[in-house]
C-alpha atoms as a PDB file:
ATOM      1  CA  MET A   1       0.091   0.138  -0.002  1.00  0.00           C
ATOM      2  CA  SER A   2       1.307   3.409  -1.017  1.00  0.00           C
ATOM      3  CA  PRO A   3       1.983   6.034   1.806  1.00  0.00           C
ATOM      4  CA  LYS A   4      -0.888   8.065   0.385  1.00  0.00           C
ATOM      5  CA  ASN A   5      -3.377   5.239   0.518  1.00  0.00           C
ATOM      6  CA  LEU A   6      -2.022   4.187   3.917  1.00  0.00           C
ATOM      7  CA  ILE A   7      -2.757   7.642   5.337  1.00  0.00           C
ATOM      8  CA  ALA A   8      -6.334   7.568   3.829  1.00  0.00           C
ATOM      9  CA  SER A   9      -6.797   4.058   5.299  1.00  0.00           C
ATOM     10  CA  ASN A  10      -5.761   5.296   8.789  1.00  0.00           C
ATOM     11  CA  LYS A  11      -8.082   8.205   8.449  1.00  0.00           C
ATOM     12  CA  THR A  12     -10.931   6.017   7.511  1.00  0.00           C
ATOM     13  CA  HIS A  13     -10.376   3.800  10.370  1.00  0.00           C
ATOM     14  CA  LYS A  14     -10.118   6.631  12.776  1.00  0.00           C
ATOM     15  CA  ASN A  15     -13.513   8.092  11.425  1.00  0.00           C
ATOM     16  CA  LEU A  16     -15.083   4.426  11.864  1.00  0.00           C
ATOM     17  CA  LEU A  17     -13.661   4.268  15.433  1.00  0.00           C
ATOM     18  CA  ASN A  18     -15.071   7.688  16.224  1.00  0.00           C
ATOM     19  CA  LYS A  19     -18.472   6.358  15.641  1.00  0.00           C
ATOM     20  CA  LEU A  20     -18.078   4.424  19.048  1.00  0.00           C
ATOM     21  CA  ARG A  21     -18.306   7.785  20.781  1.00  0.00           C
ATOM     22  CA  ASN A  22     -22.005   7.393  20.334  1.00  0.00           C
ATOM     23  CA  LYS A  23     -23.044   5.589  23.436  1.00  0.00           C
ATOM     24  CA  LYS A  24     -25.674   3.459  22.050  1.00  0.00           C
ATOM     25  CA  ILE A  25     -23.412   2.302  19.182  1.00  0.00           C
ATOM     26  CA  PHE A  26     -20.722   1.665  21.678  1.00  0.00           C
ATOM     27  CA  GLN A  27     -23.012  -0.538  23.766  1.00  0.00           C
ATOM     28  CA  ILE A  28     -24.098  -2.506  20.608  1.00  0.00           C
ATOM     29  CA  TYR A  29     -20.477  -3.011  19.690  1.00  0.00           C
ATOM     30  CA  LYS A  30     -19.287  -4.230  23.136  1.00  0.00           C
ATOM     31  CA  LYS A  31     -22.093  -6.751  23.130  1.00  0.00           C
ATOM     32  CA  PHE A  32     -21.124  -7.898  19.655  1.00  0.00           C
ATOM     33  CA  GLU A  33     -17.490  -8.217  20.766  1.00  0.00           C
ATOM     34  CA  ASN A  34     -18.310 -10.261  23.770  1.00  0.00           C
ATOM     35  CA  ILE A  35     -20.356 -12.570  21.600  1.00  0.00           C
ATOM     36  CA  LEU A  36     -18.026 -13.054  18.638  1.00  0.00           C
ATOM     37  CA  LYS A  37     -14.620 -13.876  20.407  1.00  0.00           C
ATOM     38  CA  LEU A  38     -12.991 -14.861  17.105  1.00  0.00           C
ATOM     39  CA  LYS A  39      -9.216 -15.380  17.111  1.00  0.00           C
ATOM     40  CA  GLN A  40      -8.870 -15.758  13.328  1.00  0.00           C
ATOM     41  CA  ASP A  41      -9.549 -14.199   9.950  1.00  0.00           C
ATOM     42  CA  PHE A  42     -13.082 -14.609   8.785  1.00  0.00           C
ATOM     43  CA  ILE A  43     -15.513 -13.904   5.785  1.00  0.00           C
ATOM     44  CA  VAL A  44     -18.672 -11.620   6.092  1.00  0.00           C
ATOM     45  CA  GLY A  45     -21.637 -12.426   3.880  1.00  0.00           C
ATOM     46  CA  VAL A  46     -23.219  -9.034   2.741  1.00  0.00           C
ATOM     47  CA  SER A  47     -26.604  -8.300   1.411  1.00  0.00           C
ATOM     48  CA  GLY A  48     -26.884  -4.563   1.485  1.00  0.00           C
ATOM     49  CA  GLY A  49     -29.749  -4.496   3.920  1.00  0.00           C
ATOM     50  CA  PRO A  50     -29.627  -2.517   7.286  1.00  0.00           C
ATOM     51  CA  ASP A  51     -28.819  -5.681   9.358  1.00  0.00           C
ATOM     52  CA  SER A  52     -26.097  -6.688   6.892  1.00  0.00           C
ATOM     53  CA  LEU A  53     -24.452  -3.221   6.793  1.00  0.00           C
ATOM     54  CA  ALA A  54     -24.409  -3.092  10.613  1.00  0.00           C
ATOM     55  CA  LEU A  55     -22.589  -6.489  10.635  1.00  0.00           C
ATOM     56  CA  CYS A  56     -20.132  -4.893   8.181  1.00  0.00           C
ATOM     57  CA  PHE A  57     -19.460  -1.980  10.578  1.00  0.00           C
ATOM     58  CA  LEU A  58     -19.176  -4.098  13.620  1.00  0.00           C
ATOM     59  CA  THR A  59     -16.957  -6.619  12.031  1.00  0.00           C
ATOM     60  CA  LYS A  60     -14.687  -3.839  10.721  1.00  0.00           C
ATOM     61  CA  ILE A  61     -14.253  -2.361  14.121  1.00  0.00           C
ATOM     62  CA  TYR A  62     -13.514  -5.832  15.419  1.00  0.00           C
ATOM     63  CA  SER A  63     -11.038  -6.528  12.738  1.00  0.00           C
ATOM     64  CA  ILE A  64      -9.310  -3.204  13.460  1.00  0.00           C
ATOM     65  CA  LYS A  65      -9.178  -3.814  17.113  1.00  0.00           C
ATOM     66  CA  LYS A  66      -8.185  -7.417  17.022  1.00  0.00           C
ATOM     67  CA  SER A  67      -5.698  -7.170  13.986  1.00  0.00           C
ATOM     68  CA  PHE A  68      -7.553  -9.771  11.957  1.00  0.00           C
ATOM     69  CA  ASN A  69      -8.405  -9.886   8.173  1.00  0.00           C
ATOM     70  CA  ALA A  70     -12.051  -9.607   7.380  1.00  0.00           C
ATOM     71  CA  TYR A  71     -13.231 -10.420   3.797  1.00  0.00           C
ATOM     72  CA  TYR A  72     -16.444  -9.073   2.529  1.00  0.00           C
ATOM     73  CA  TYR A  73     -18.569 -10.757  -0.206  1.00  0.00           C
ATOM     74  CA  ILE A  74     -21.916 -10.000  -1.619  1.00  0.00           C
ATOM     75  CA  VAL A  75     -23.806 -12.695  -3.951  1.00  0.00           C
ATOM     76  CA  ASP A  76     -25.386 -11.215  -7.117  1.00  0.00           C
ATOM     77  CA  HIS A  77     -28.066 -14.051  -7.573  1.00  0.00           C
ATOM     78  CA  ARG A  78     -29.127 -12.279 -10.815  1.00  0.00           C
ATOM     79  CA  LEU A  79     -32.694 -13.234 -10.119  1.00  0.00           C
ATOM     80  CA  ARG A  80     -33.881  -9.567 -10.557  1.00  0.00           C
ATOM     81  CA  LYS A  81     -33.194  -7.041 -13.092  1.00  0.00           C
ATOM     82  CA  ASN A  82     -31.473  -4.572 -10.795  1.00  0.00           C
ATOM     83  CA  SER A  83     -29.458  -7.075  -8.688  1.00  0.00           C
ATOM     84  CA  SER A  84     -26.203  -6.392 -10.295  1.00  0.00           C
ATOM     85  CA  ASN A  85     -26.566  -2.611 -10.092  1.00  0.00           C
ATOM     86  CA  GLU A  86     -27.547  -2.999  -6.325  1.00  0.00           C
ATOM     87  CA  ALA A  87     -24.356  -5.030  -5.638  1.00  0.00           C
ATOM     88  CA  GLN A  88     -22.313  -2.274  -7.270  1.00  0.00           C
ATOM     89  CA  LEU A  89     -24.067   0.271  -5.172  1.00  0.00           C
ATOM     90  CA  VAL A  90     -23.210  -1.630  -2.019  1.00  0.00           C
ATOM     91  CA  LYS A  91     -19.631  -1.967  -3.041  1.00  0.00           C
ATOM     92  CA  LYS A  92     -19.236   1.727  -3.565  1.00  0.00           C
ATOM     93  CA  LEU A  93     -21.015   2.490  -0.329  1.00  0.00           C
ATOM     94  CA  LEU A  94     -18.696   0.330   1.706  1.00  0.00           C
ATOM     95  CA  LYS A  95     -15.564   1.423  -0.343  1.00  0.00           C
ATOM     96  CA  LYS A  96     -16.033   4.929   1.348  1.00  0.00           C
ATOM     97  CA  TYR A  97     -15.303   3.305   4.695  1.00  0.00           C
ATOM     98  CA  ASN A  98     -12.312   1.361   3.571  1.00  0.00           C
ATOM     99  CA  ILE A  99     -14.372  -1.893   3.434  1.00  0.00           C
ATOM    100  CA  LYS A 100     -13.459  -3.845   0.351  1.00  0.00           C
ATOM    101  CA  LEU A 101     -16.377  -5.756  -1.036  1.00  0.00           C
ATOM    102  CA  ASP A 102     -16.054  -8.343  -3.747  1.00  0.00           C
ATOM    103  CA  ILE A 103     -19.067  -9.785  -5.765  1.00  0.00           C
ATOM    104  CA  LEU A 104     -19.810 -13.274  -6.245  1.00  0.00           C
ATOM    105  CA  LYS A 105     -22.088 -14.027  -9.162  1.00  0.00           C
ATOM    106  CA  TRP A 106     -24.477 -16.861  -9.738  1.00  0.00           C
ATOM    107  CA  TYR A 107     -24.163 -18.133 -13.243  1.00  0.00           C
ATOM    108  CA  GLY A 108     -26.332 -20.777 -14.762  1.00  0.00           C
ATOM    109  CA  LYS A 109     -29.960 -21.816 -14.832  1.00  0.00           C
ATOM    110  CA  LYS A 110     -32.171 -20.084 -12.247  1.00  0.00           C
ATOM    111  CA  PRO A 111     -34.963 -21.877 -10.265  1.00  0.00           C
ATOM    112  CA  THR A 112     -38.714 -21.258 -10.829  1.00  0.00           C
ATOM    113  CA  ASN A 113     -39.874 -22.989  -7.615  1.00  0.00           C
ATOM    114  CA  ASN A 114     -38.567 -22.440  -3.949  1.00  0.00           C
ATOM    115  CA  ILE A 115     -36.649 -19.433  -5.203  1.00  0.00           C
ATOM    116  CA  GLN A 116     -35.496 -18.056  -1.882  1.00  0.00           C
ATOM    117  CA  SER A 117     -34.567 -21.388  -0.619  1.00  0.00           C
ATOM    118  CA  SER A 118     -32.423 -22.107  -3.797  1.00  0.00           C
ATOM    119  CA  ALA A 119     -30.921 -18.697  -3.603  1.00  0.00           C
ATOM    120  CA  ARG A 120     -29.972 -19.223   0.014  1.00  0.00           C
ATOM    121  CA  ASN A 121     -28.353 -22.573  -0.680  1.00  0.00           C
ATOM    122  CA  LYS A 122     -26.480 -21.071  -3.655  1.00  0.00           C
ATOM    123  CA  ARG A 123     -25.297 -18.120  -1.532  1.00  0.00           C
ATOM    124  CA  TYR A 124     -23.793 -20.501   1.016  1.00  0.00           C
ATOM    125  CA  SER A 125     -22.149 -22.606  -1.582  1.00  0.00           C
ATOM    126  CA  LEU A 126     -20.543 -19.593  -3.218  1.00  0.00           C
ATOM    127  CA  LEU A 127     -19.308 -18.347   0.127  1.00  0.00           C
ATOM    128  CA  ILE A 128     -18.038 -21.554   1.262  1.00  0.00           C
ATOM    129  CA  ASN A 129     -16.062 -22.045  -1.995  1.00  0.00           C
ATOM    130  CA  GLN A 130     -14.470 -18.679  -1.370  1.00  0.00           C
ATOM    131  CA  ALA A 131     -13.699 -19.557   2.260  1.00  0.00           C
ATOM    132  CA  LYS A 132     -11.913 -22.751   1.106  1.00  0.00           C
ATOM    133  CA  LYS A 133      -9.921 -20.898  -1.529  1.00  0.00           C
ATOM    134  CA  LEU A 134      -8.624 -18.544   1.296  1.00  0.00           C
ATOM    135  CA  ASN A 135      -8.358 -21.315   3.940  1.00  0.00           C
ATOM    136  CA  ILE A 136     -10.743 -19.624   6.175  1.00  0.00           C
ATOM    137  CA  LYS A 137     -12.873 -21.606   8.514  1.00  0.00           C
ATOM    138  CA  THR A 138     -15.584 -18.993   9.564  1.00  0.00           C
ATOM    139  CA  ILE A 139     -18.305 -17.210   7.713  1.00  0.00           C
ATOM    140  CA  LEU A 140     -20.403 -14.477   9.449  1.00  0.00           C
ATOM    141  CA  THR A 141     -24.050 -13.683   8.442  1.00  0.00           C
ATOM    142  CA  GLY A 142     -26.311 -10.827   9.497  1.00  0.00           C
ATOM    143  CA  HIS A 143     -29.185 -13.021  10.814  1.00  0.00           C
ATOM    144  CA  HIS A 144     -30.751 -11.417  13.866  1.00  0.00           C
ATOM    145  CA  ILE A 145     -33.431 -12.340  16.464  1.00  0.00           C
ATOM    146  CA  ASP A 146     -36.402 -11.382  14.226  1.00  0.00           C
ATOM    147  CA  ASP A 147     -35.070 -13.985  11.735  1.00  0.00           C
ATOM    148  CA  LEU A 148     -35.254 -16.437  14.616  1.00  0.00           C
ATOM    149  CA  TYR A 149     -38.903 -15.859  15.113  1.00  0.00           C
ATOM    150  CA  GLU A 150     -39.617 -16.149  11.277  1.00  0.00           C
ATOM    151  CA  ASN A 151     -37.702 -19.354  10.908  1.00  0.00           C
ATOM    152  CA  PHE A 152     -39.615 -20.900  13.957  1.00  0.00           C
ATOM    153  CA  PHE A 153     -43.072 -20.087  12.317  1.00  0.00           C
ATOM    154  CA  ILE A 154     -41.927 -21.234   8.883  1.00  0.00           C
ATOM    155  CA  ARG A 155     -40.806 -24.612  10.366  1.00  0.00           C
ATOM    156  CA  ILE A 156     -44.183 -24.954  12.129  1.00  0.00           C
ATOM    157  CA  SER A 157     -46.010 -24.383   8.768  1.00  0.00           C
ATOM    158  CA  ARG A 158     -43.940 -27.141   7.199  1.00  0.00           C
ATOM    159  CA  GLY A 159     -44.769 -29.562  10.110  1.00  0.00           C
ATOM    160  CA  SER A 160     -41.201 -29.778  11.246  1.00  0.00           C
ATOM    161  CA  GLY A 161     -40.290 -31.886  14.388  1.00  0.00           C
ATOM    162  CA  LEU A 162     -38.524 -30.483  17.439  1.00  0.00           C
ATOM    163  CA  ASN A 163     -35.054 -30.600  15.912  1.00  0.00           C
ATOM    164  CA  GLY A 164     -36.294 -28.519  12.982  1.00  0.00           C
ATOM    165  CA  LEU A 165     -37.938 -25.988  15.148  1.00  0.00           C
ATOM    166  CA  VAL A 166     -34.829 -25.066  17.051  1.00  0.00           C
ATOM    167  CA  SER A 167     -32.269 -25.634  14.281  1.00  0.00           C
ATOM    168  CA  PHE A 168     -31.699 -22.015  13.598  1.00  0.00           C
ATOM    169  CA  SER A 169     -28.861 -21.331  16.105  1.00  0.00           C
ATOM    170  CA  GLU A 170     -25.908 -18.979  16.523  1.00  0.00           C
ATOM    171  CA  LYS A 171     -23.361 -21.480  15.019  1.00  0.00           C
ATOM    172  CA  THR A 172     -23.844 -24.393  12.460  1.00  0.00           C
ATOM    173  CA  LEU A 173     -21.121 -26.440  10.595  1.00  0.00           C
ATOM    174  CA  ARG A 174     -21.621 -26.572   6.797  1.00  0.00           C
ATOM    175  CA  ASP A 175     -19.229 -28.468   4.694  1.00  0.00           C
ATOM    176  CA  LYS A 176     -16.499 -28.102   7.303  1.00  0.00           C
ATOM    177  CA  VAL A 177     -16.993 -24.465   7.559  1.00  0.00           C
ATOM    178  CA  ASN A 178     -18.399 -22.666  10.559  1.00  0.00           C
ATOM    179  CA  ILE A 179     -21.463 -20.492   9.877  1.00  0.00           C
ATOM    180  CA  ILE A 180     -21.784 -18.021  12.709  1.00  0.00           C
ATOM    181  CA  ARG A 181     -24.765 -15.607  13.244  1.00  0.00           C
ATOM    182  CA  PRO A 182     -23.260 -13.143  15.818  1.00  0.00           C
ATOM    183  CA  LEU A 183     -26.382 -10.900  15.670  1.00  0.00           C
ATOM    184  CA  ILE A 184     -28.908 -13.577  16.571  1.00  0.00           C
ATOM    185  CA  ASN A 185     -29.434 -11.902  19.994  1.00  0.00           C
ATOM    186  CA  PHE A 186     -29.894  -8.431  18.454  1.00  0.00           C
ATOM    187  CA  GLU A 187     -33.223  -6.926  17.591  1.00  0.00           C
ATOM    188  CA  LYS A 188     -33.525  -5.429  14.105  1.00  0.00           C
ATOM    189  CA  LYS A 189     -34.246  -1.994  15.411  1.00  0.00           C
ATOM    190  CA  TYR A 190     -30.739  -1.833  16.969  1.00  0.00           C
ATOM    191  CA  LEU A 191     -29.032  -2.887  13.796  1.00  0.00           C
ATOM    192  CA  ASN A 192     -31.185  -0.264  11.919  1.00  0.00           C
ATOM    193  CA  TYR A 193     -29.888   2.376  14.278  1.00  0.00           C
ATOM    194  CA  VAL A 194     -26.259   1.523  13.685  1.00  0.00           C
ATOM    195  CA  THR A 195     -26.631   1.521   9.943  1.00  0.00           C
ATOM    196  CA  THR A 196     -28.553   4.722   9.855  1.00  0.00           C
ATOM    197  CA  ASN A 197     -25.957   6.510  11.919  1.00  0.00           C
ATOM    198  CA  VAL A 198     -22.844   5.061  10.177  1.00  0.00           C
ATOM    199  CA  PHE A 199     -23.826   4.591   6.564  1.00  0.00           C
ATOM    200  CA  LYS A 200     -26.877   6.890   6.284  1.00  0.00           C
ATOM    201  CA  SER A 201     -28.302   4.501   3.668  1.00  0.00           C
ATOM    202  CA  TYR A 202     -28.911   0.993   2.675  1.00  0.00           C
ATOM    203  CA  ILE A 203     -30.452  -1.234  -0.094  1.00  0.00           C
ATOM    204  CA  GLU A 204     -33.990  -2.378   0.356  1.00  0.00           C
ATOM    205  CA  ASP A 205     -34.756  -5.749  -1.329  1.00  0.00           C
ATOM    206  CA  PRO A 206     -38.122  -5.463  -3.029  1.00  0.00           C
ATOM    207  CA  SER A 207     -38.846  -9.148  -2.542  1.00  0.00           C
ATOM    208  CA  ASN A 208     -38.915  -8.336   1.213  1.00  0.00           C
ATOM    209  CA  GLU A 209     -42.514  -6.986   0.515  1.00  0.00           C
ATOM    210  CA  ASP A 210     -43.605  -9.564  -2.036  1.00  0.00           C
ATOM    211  CA  ASN A 211     -46.325 -11.701  -0.591  1.00  0.00           C
ATOM    212  CA  LYS A 212     -45.706 -14.673  -3.034  1.00  0.00           C
ATOM    213  CA  PHE A 213     -42.766 -15.585  -0.660  1.00  0.00           C
ATOM    214  CA  LYS A 214     -43.767 -17.500   2.605  1.00  0.00           C
ATOM    215  CA  ARG A 215     -41.134 -15.744   4.638  1.00  0.00           C
ATOM    216  CA  VAL A 216     -42.819 -12.419   3.872  1.00  0.00           C
ATOM    217  CA  ARG A 217     -46.290 -13.630   4.776  1.00  0.00           C
ATOM    218  CA  ILE A 218     -44.866 -15.146   8.044  1.00  0.00           C
ATOM    219  CA  ARG A 219     -43.200 -11.893   8.884  1.00  0.00           C
ATOM    220  CA  LYS A 220     -46.366  -9.911   8.389  1.00  0.00           C
ATOM    221  CA  LEU A 221     -48.211 -12.660  10.561  1.00  0.00           C
ATOM    222  CA  ILE A 222     -45.771 -12.129  13.465  1.00  0.00           C
ATOM    223  CA  LYS A 223     -46.458  -8.274  13.349  1.00  0.00           C
ATOM    224  CA  HIS A 224     -50.133  -8.971  13.706  1.00  0.00           C
ATOM    225  CA  LEU A 225     -49.523 -11.365  16.482  1.00  0.00           C
ATOM    226  CA  GLN A 226     -47.414  -8.639  18.217  1.00  0.00           C
ATOM    227  CA  ASN A 227     -50.282  -6.261  17.877  1.00  0.00           C
ATOM    228  CA  ASP A 228     -52.480  -8.853  19.488  1.00  0.00           C
ATOM    229  CA  GLY A 229     -50.169  -9.201  22.419  1.00  0.00           C
ATOM    230  CA  LEU A 230     -47.445 -11.812  21.488  1.00  0.00           C
ATOM    231  CA  ASP A 231     -44.738 -11.434  24.144  1.00  0.00           C
ATOM    232  CA  LYS A 232     -41.353 -11.866  22.464  1.00  0.00           C
ATOM    233  CA  ASN A 233     -39.616 -12.475  25.693  1.00  0.00           C
ATOM    234  CA  LYS A 234     -42.033 -15.371  26.530  1.00  0.00           C
ATOM    235  CA  PHE A 235     -41.689 -16.568  23.011  1.00  0.00           C
ATOM    236  CA  LEU A 236     -37.888 -16.618  23.380  1.00  0.00           C
ATOM    237  CA  LEU A 237     -38.364 -18.587  26.710  1.00  0.00           C
ATOM    238  CA  THR A 238     -40.440 -21.150  24.770  1.00  0.00           C
ATOM    239  CA  ILE A 239     -37.693 -21.586  22.150  1.00  0.00           C
ATOM    240  CA  LYS A 240     -35.124 -21.975  24.918  1.00  0.00           C
ATOM    241  CA  ASN A 241     -37.149 -24.662  26.682  1.00  0.00           C
ATOM    242  CA  LEU A 242     -37.459 -26.604  23.452  1.00  0.00           C
ATOM    243  CA  LYS A 243     -33.798 -26.331  22.836  1.00  0.00           C
ATOM    244  CA  ASP A 244     -33.197 -27.742  26.242  1.00  0.00           C
ATOM    245  CA  SER A 245     -35.606 -30.777  25.435  1.00  0.00           C
ATOM    246  CA  ASN A 246     -33.854 -31.063  22.043  1.00  0.00           C
ATOM    247  CA  GLU A 247     -30.452 -31.364  23.894  1.00  0.00           C
ATOM    248  CA  THR A 248     -31.752 -34.250  25.960  1.00  0.00           C
ATOM    249  CA  ILE A 249     -32.994 -36.127  22.849  1.00  0.00           C
ATOM    250  CA  LYS A 250     -29.470 -35.473  21.288  1.00  0.00           C
ATOM    251  CA  PHE A 251     -27.957 -37.212  24.199  1.00  0.00           C
ATOM    252  CA  TYR A 252     -29.984 -40.376  23.814  1.00  0.00           C
ATOM    253  CA  VAL A 253     -29.396 -40.312  20.135  1.00  0.00           C
ATOM    254  CA  ALA A 254     -25.621 -40.257  20.669  1.00  0.00           C
ATOM    255  CA  ASN A 255     -25.873 -43.221  23.053  1.00  0.00           C
ATOM    256  CA  ASN A 256     -27.838 -45.159  20.547  1.00  0.00           C
ATOM    257  CA  LEU A 257     -25.417 -44.529  17.870  1.00  0.00           C
ATOM    258  CA  LYS A 258     -22.475 -45.357  20.276  1.00  0.00           C
ATOM    259  CA  TYR A 259     -23.719 -48.614  21.666  1.00  0.00           C
ATOM    260  CA  ASN A 260     -25.999 -50.055  19.010  1.00  0.00           C
ATOM    261  CA  SER A 261     -24.054 -49.417  15.774  1.00  0.00           C
ATOM    262  CA  TYR A 262     -20.716 -50.499  14.514  1.00  0.00           C
ATOM    263  CA  ILE A 263     -18.719 -48.493  11.855  1.00  0.00           C
ATOM    264  CA  TYR A 264     -16.217 -50.334   9.630  1.00  0.00           C
ATOM    265  CA  LYS A 265     -12.905 -48.879   9.400  1.00  0.00           C
ATOM    266  CA  ASP A 266     -13.260 -47.383   5.869  1.00  0.00           C
ATOM    267  CA  LYS A 267     -16.514 -45.786   6.974  1.00  0.00           C
ATOM    268  CA  SER A 268     -18.401 -47.125   3.903  1.00  0.00           C
ATOM    269  CA  LYS A 269     -20.570 -49.429   6.048  1.00  0.00           C
ATOM    270  CA  ILE A 270     -22.485 -49.478   9.377  1.00  0.00           C
ATOM    271  CA  ILE A 271     -24.115 -52.338  11.113  1.00  0.00           C
ATOM    272  CA  LEU A 272     -27.099 -51.718  13.357  1.00  0.00           C
ATOM    273  CA  ASN A 273     -28.006 -54.234  15.984  1.00  0.00           C
ATOM    274  CA  GLU A 274     -31.589 -55.265  17.185  1.00  0.00           C
ATOM    275  CA  GLU A 275     -31.409 -52.694  20.098  1.00  0.00           C
ATOM    276  CA  PHE A 276     -30.949 -49.745  17.765  1.00  0.00           C
ATOM    277  CA  PHE A 277     -34.692 -49.961  16.826  1.00  0.00           C
ATOM    278  CA  LYS A 278     -36.003 -50.665  20.202  1.00  0.00           C
ATOM    279  CA  GLN A 279     -35.587 -46.965  21.399  1.00  0.00           C
ATOM    280  CA  PRO A 280     -38.411 -44.477  21.454  1.00  0.00           C
ATOM    281  CA  HIS A 281     -39.315 -43.528  17.890  1.00  0.00           C
ATOM    282  CA  GLU A 282     -37.739 -40.019  17.814  1.00  0.00           C
ATOM    283  CA  ILE A 283     -34.457 -41.590  19.049  1.00  0.00           C
ATOM    284  CA  THR A 284     -34.513 -44.224  16.323  1.00  0.00           C
ATOM    285  CA  PHE A 285     -35.681 -41.739  13.689  1.00  0.00           C
ATOM    286  CA  ARG A 286     -32.840 -39.325  14.325  1.00  0.00           C
ATOM    287  CA  SER A 287     -30.237 -42.057  14.773  1.00  0.00           C
ATOM    288  CA  LEU A 288     -31.060 -43.517  11.409  1.00  0.00           C
ATOM    289  CA  THR A 289     -31.186 -40.186   9.731  1.00  0.00           C
ATOM    290  CA  GLU A 290     -27.697 -39.312  10.911  1.00  0.00           C
ATOM    291  CA  ILE A 291     -26.349 -42.722   9.758  1.00  0.00           C
ATOM    292  CA  ILE A 292     -27.851 -42.127   6.308  1.00  0.00           C
ATOM    293  CA  LYS A 293     -26.262 -38.587   6.209  1.00  0.00           C
ATOM    294  CA  PHE A 294     -22.983 -40.031   7.186  1.00  0.00           C
ATOM    295  CA  VAL A 295     -22.806 -43.051   4.916  1.00  0.00           C
ATOM    296  CA  GLY A 296     -24.481 -41.120   2.027  1.00  0.00           C
ATOM    297  CA  LYS A 297     -22.131 -38.235   2.494  1.00  0.00           C
ATOM    298  CA  LYS A 298     -24.980 -35.740   2.200  1.00  0.00           C
ATOM    299  CA  TYR A 299     -25.137 -32.358   3.997  1.00  0.00           C
ATOM    300  CA  TYR A 300     -28.912 -32.295   4.316  1.00  0.00           C
ATOM    301  CA  PRO A 301     -30.944 -35.150   5.844  1.00  0.00           C
ATOM    302  CA  VAL A 302     -33.174 -37.129   3.749  1.00  0.00           C
ATOM    303  CA  ARG A 303     -37.005 -36.432   4.006  1.00  0.00           C
ATOM    304  CA  GLY A 304     -38.650 -37.508   7.394  1.00  0.00           C
ATOM    305  CA  LYS A 305     -41.502 -39.309   5.722  1.00  0.00           C
ATOM    306  CA  LYS A 306     -39.187 -41.708   3.843  1.00  0.00           C
ATOM    307  CA  VAL A 307     -36.997 -42.479   7.035  1.00  0.00           C
ATOM    308  CA  ASP A 308     -40.295 -43.210   8.954  1.00  0.00           C
ATOM    309  CA  MET A 309     -41.483 -45.566   6.073  1.00  0.00           C
ATOM    310  CA  ILE A 310     -38.343 -47.449   6.395  1.00  0.00           C
ATOM    311  CA  ILE A 311     -38.245 -47.666  10.153  1.00  0.00           C
ATOM    312  CA  ASP A 312     -41.954 -49.102  10.056  1.00  0.00           C
ATOM    313  CA  LYS A 313     -41.130 -51.669   7.414  1.00  0.00           C
ATOM    314  CA  LEU A 314     -37.821 -52.747   9.167  1.00  0.00           C
ATOM    315  CA  LYS A 315     -39.848 -53.225  12.442  1.00  0.00           C
ATOM    316  CA  GLY A 316     -43.058 -54.693  10.926  1.00  0.00           C
ATOM    317  CA  ASP A 317     -41.685 -56.917   8.007  1.00  0.00           C
ATOM    318  CA  THR A 318     -41.161 -60.550   9.247  1.00  0.00           C
ATOM    319  CA  ARG A 319     -38.915 -61.478   6.179  1.00  0.00           C
ATOM    320  CA  THR A 320     -35.249 -62.224   7.081  1.00  0.00           C
ATOM    321  CA  SER A 321     -34.001 -60.272   4.173  1.00  0.00           C
ATOM    322  CA  ILE A 322     -35.204 -56.987   2.675  1.00  0.00           C
ATOM    323  CA  LYS A 323     -33.556 -54.026   0.943  1.00  0.00           C
ATOM    324  CA  PHE A 324     -34.091 -50.266   0.657  1.00  0.00           C
ATOM    325  CA  THR A 325     -32.290 -47.396  -1.052  1.00  0.00           C
ATOM    326  CA  LEU A 326     -32.385 -43.885   0.373  1.00  0.00           C
ATOM    327  CA  GLY A 327     -29.997 -40.903   0.453  1.00  0.00           C
ATOM    328  CA  ASN A 328     -27.131 -42.634  -1.617  1.00  0.00           C
ATOM    329  CA  CYS A 329     -27.354 -45.564   0.792  1.00  0.00           C
ATOM    330  CA  ILE A 330     -28.469 -49.174   0.504  1.00  0.00           C
ATOM    331  CA  ILE A 331     -30.213 -50.475   3.650  1.00  0.00           C
ATOM    332  CA  TYR A 332     -30.190 -54.276   4.139  1.00  0.00           C
ATOM    333  CA  LYS A 333     -32.011 -56.291   6.712  1.00  0.00           C
ATOM    334  CA  VAL A 334     -30.269 -59.593   7.307  1.00  0.00           C
ATOM    335  CA  HIS A 335     -31.882 -61.544  10.012  1.00  0.00           C
ATOM    336  CA  GLN A 336     -31.790 -59.315  13.182  1.00  0.00           C
ATOM    337  CA  SER A 337     -29.091 -56.907  11.888  1.00  0.00           C
ATOM    338  CA  ILE A 338     -29.393 -54.033   9.490  1.00  0.00           C
ATOM    339  CA  ILE A 339     -26.516 -53.043   7.253  1.00  0.00           C
ATOM    340  CA  VAL A 340     -26.207 -49.531   5.792  1.00  0.00           C
ATOM    341  CA  LEU A 341     -23.783 -49.139   2.975  1.00  0.00           C
ATOM    342  CA  LYS A 342     -22.983 -46.441   0.407  1.00  0.00           C
ATOM    343  CA  GLU A 343     -24.779 -46.774  -2.889  1.00  0.00           C
ATOM    344  CA  HIS A 344     -22.410 -47.054  -5.913  1.00  0.00           C
END
């Protein structure tokens, strides 16, 4: 970096740090810093919305104070006519604050169904590929507490079980990369405050008001429920209690996997003994789902209905030898044992 650019960079850093003189912004940053506790370089997924830009500011301050490298990426899904222009606008906005934003583009055929879900999966895929290129283990996203509420109701509308209802957590592992949501305990109004006071503007995604998307309809439903007296603190307590119950189930699933299954050294085959299927249904269901994911080398679990069907048939079929295929796996019943191996 040239001396001229270095001086400009230091001046920008000083201007950003000066934002912490605002008492409210300082309190928000200190809470963020206490939550994050990263000790390595990281990637920040950017969208251009107020919560995302607040994350840009908070992580930039964090990287300055902790002397880490922060890499910023926005994904241009190219699903809307103006998406490329919007990505460029966000890039120019952040450049004023010495935040270098790179644009990752989604090329190829675009979906006509499940658009938001497909876009989200592609976004993670592009960010994870970039993380692996840079040998970085952590990606930060701007999800906040309001997203937690929305996700809960979306999962209810899909008939999700307990694990699905509480799966939206602060940290998840995806393809050996940590996805961290450090804003998950922040309300959107506080993030709006940061963005309004630091950047003065942001990009509003028009799809956020489009009722054809379930997430938008759920968001509006939650607002109605709040107007009718929904207490968010009690709602959070409910989610916490459900998470505690979920951890208990995970404990028994781990025991079932440990004591009632045997993994071959090459990890291509697992044998399940008779006791594996004598556990309560939820324990058996989750245990078998995990085994199919592991052997089939799939990130997402197979559909619950199909797992339920196989469990019912394995328990109810009196034949000594039956065979199923699911999730890149072949599942054999041989007498009282079940063999799960990778499908070739």
